[in-house]
Every structure is written in structure tokens, then in C-alpha cells.
C-alpha atoms as a PDB file:
ATOM      1  CA  MET A   1      51.224 -10.627 -10.746  1.00  0.00           C
ATOM      2  CA  ASP A   2      51.901  -7.743 -11.328  1.00  0.00           C
ATOM      3  CA  GLU A   3      50.880  -3.833 -10.667  1.00  0.00           C
ATOM      4  CA  ALA A   4      47.926  -3.775 -12.482  1.00  0.00           C
ATOM      5  CA  ASP A   5      47.010  -7.140 -11.955  1.00  0.00           C
ATOM      6  CA  LEU A   6      47.181  -5.816  -7.795  1.00  0.00           C
ATOM      7  CA  ALA A   7      45.292  -2.671  -8.687  1.00  0.00           C
ATOM      8  CA  PHE A   8      42.142  -4.629 -10.425  1.00  0.00           C
ATOM      9  CA  ASP A   9      42.278  -6.860  -6.989  1.00  0.00           C
ATOM     10  CA  SER A  10      42.257  -4.276  -4.775  1.00  0.00           C
ATOM     11  CA  GLU A  11      39.322  -2.301  -6.688  1.00  0.00           C
ATOM     12  CA  GLN A  12      37.280  -5.672  -7.262  1.00  0.00           C
ATOM     13  CA  ARG A  13      37.482  -6.032  -3.187  1.00  0.00           C
ATOM     14  CA  TYR A  14      36.837  -2.495  -2.387  1.00  0.00           C
ATOM     15  CA  LEU A  15      33.480  -2.493  -4.466  1.00  0.00           C
ATOM     16  CA  SER A  16      32.550  -6.000  -3.155  1.00  0.00           C
ATOM     17  CA  GLN A  17      33.007  -4.692   0.329  1.00  0.00           C
ATOM     18  CA  ALA A  18      30.801  -0.963  -0.782  1.00  0.00           C
ATOM     19  CA  LEU A  19      28.089  -3.374  -2.563  1.00  0.00           C
ATOM     20  CA  ALA A  20      27.854  -5.595   0.883  1.00  0.00           C
ATOM     21  CA  ALA A  21      27.672  -2.174   3.042  1.00  0.00           C
ATOM     22  CA  GLN A  22      24.903  -0.924   0.759  1.00  0.00           C
ATOM     23  CA  ARG A  23      22.846  -3.805   0.928  1.00  0.00           C
ATOM     24  CA  THR A  24      22.951  -3.738   4.634  1.00  0.00           C
ATOM     25  CA  ARG A  25      22.097  -0.353   4.798  1.00  0.00           C
ATOM     26  CA  THR A  26      18.802  -0.710   2.932  1.00  0.00           C
ATOM     27  CA  GLY A  27      17.971  -3.492   4.526  1.00  0.00           C
ATOM     28  CA  GLY A  28      15.752  -6.262   3.462  1.00  0.00           C
ATOM     29  CA  LEU A  29      12.606  -7.810   3.920  1.00  0.00           C
ATOM     30  CA  LYS A  30      12.328  -9.261   7.388  1.00  0.00           C
ATOM     31  CA  ALA A  31       9.683 -12.154   8.253  1.00  0.00           C
ATOM     32  CA  VAL A  32       6.723 -10.225  10.118  1.00  0.00           C
ATOM     33  CA  GLY A  33       4.201 -13.456   9.860  1.00  0.00           C
ATOM     34  CA  SER A  34       2.272 -12.747   6.764  1.00  0.00           C
ATOM     35  CA  CYS A  35       2.835 -13.281   3.029  1.00  0.00           C
ATOM     36  CA  HIS A  36       4.768  -9.237   2.121  1.00  0.00           C
ATOM     37  CA  ASN A  37       2.547  -9.426  -1.262  1.00  0.00           C
ATOM     38  CA  CYS A  38      -0.763 -10.473   0.193  1.00  0.00           C
ATOM     39  CA  GLY A  39      -0.879 -10.181   3.539  1.00  0.00           C
ATOM     40  CA  ASN A  40      -1.924 -13.848   4.175  1.00  0.00           C
ATOM     41  CA  ALA A  41      -0.683 -14.677   7.814  1.00  0.00           C
ATOM     42  CA  GLU A  42      -2.273 -18.751   7.238  1.00  0.00           C
ATOM     43  CA  ASP A  43       1.194 -21.152   7.920  1.00  0.00           C
ATOM     44  CA  ILE A  44       3.444 -18.533   6.785  1.00  0.00           C
ATOM     45  CA  GLY A  45       6.092 -19.220   9.833  1.00  0.00           C
ATOM     46  CA  GLU A  46       9.212 -17.694   9.361  1.00  0.00           C
ATOM     47  CA  ARG A  47       9.236 -17.329   4.995  1.00  0.00           C
ATOM     48  CA  LEU A  48       8.441 -13.681   3.092  1.00  0.00           C
ATOM     49  CA  PHE A  49       5.911 -14.984   1.050  1.00  0.00           C
ATOM     50  CA  CYS A  50       3.646 -17.496   0.589  1.00  0.00           C
ATOM     51  CA  ASP A  51       4.598 -19.320  -2.693  1.00  0.00           C
ATOM     52  CA  SER A  52       6.840 -18.250  -5.214  1.00  0.00           C
ATOM     53  CA  ASP A  53       3.959 -16.390  -7.142  1.00  0.00           C
ATOM     54  CA  CYS A  54       3.550 -14.200  -4.634  1.00  0.00           C
ATOM     55  CA  ALA A  55       6.743 -13.243  -4.547  1.00  0.00           C
ATOM     56  CA  ALA A  56       7.505 -12.747  -7.766  1.00  0.00           C
ATOM     57  CA  ASP A  57       4.709 -10.494  -8.275  1.00  0.00           C
ATOM     58  CA  TRP A  58       6.487  -8.382  -5.288  1.00  0.00           C
ATOM     59  CA  GLU A  59       9.547  -8.649  -6.974  1.00  0.00           C
ATOM     60  CA  TYR A  60       7.649  -7.075  -9.863  1.00  0.00           C
ATOM     61  CA  GLN A  61       5.865  -4.964  -8.161  1.00  0.00           C
ATOM     62  CA  ASP A  62       9.089  -3.427  -5.801  1.00  0.00           C
ATOM     63  CA  SER A  63      10.553  -3.156  -9.680  1.00  0.00           C
ATOM     64  CA  LEU A  64       8.288  -0.638 -10.723  1.00  0.00           C
ATOM     65  CA  ARG A  65       8.153   1.133  -7.526  1.00  0.00           C
ATOM     66  CA  ARG A  66      12.209   1.530  -7.803  1.00  0.00           C
ATOM     67  CA  ARG A  67      11.761   2.744 -11.380  1.00  0.00           C
ATOM     68  CA  LEU A  68       9.250   5.745 -10.506  1.00  0.00           C
ATOM     69  CA  GLY A  69      10.490   6.894  -7.335  1.00  0.00           C
ATOM     70  CA  LEU A  70       7.981   5.638  -4.939  1.00  0.00           C
ATOM     71  CA  LYS A  71       8.538   4.093  -1.462  1.00  0.00           C
ATOM     72  CA  ALA A  72       7.500   0.427  -0.347  1.00  0.00           C
ATOM     73  CA  PRO A  73       4.419  -0.146   1.277  1.00  0.00           C
ATOM     74  CA  VAL A  74       4.868  -0.489   5.239  1.00  0.00           C
ATOM     75  CA  HIS A  75       4.038  -3.596   6.611  1.00  0.00           C
END
């Protein structure tokens, strides 16, 4: 490896660490005992959503909120 390869590896490592830190800083969804999309609490356990449809709906709505600069609803 030459100096350019070492610099590139160092830059990639730094970028990966910065992205990981950003993800933990902003948090993420945590299990609340009900579906984050529809609110269904029936037999959900520690899952975030009822099913894949609710997960996809939430992802779509979240992407729209982010584009519009709106905050996520609080559950």
C-alpha cells in the first residue's frame, strides 16, 4: 500500500465512524408496545410495526416528513 491508499483507508474509516455516531445521536425507533404506524397494540411484543405494510407506510411518511422539514410525530 502506498500513501494514497493509506490516506483513503483512513478517510473511509473516519467517515464510517462519523456516520455511526450520527445514527446513534439521532436515535432510532424503539419498541413502545404498539405499532409506530397504526398504533395497534395487539400481539406486537417488541416489534416496531405490525407487519411489512405498516413498516413500508411509515418509511414513506418519514421520508416525506424529512423532505418537508417536519418533525416526526411523538408516540
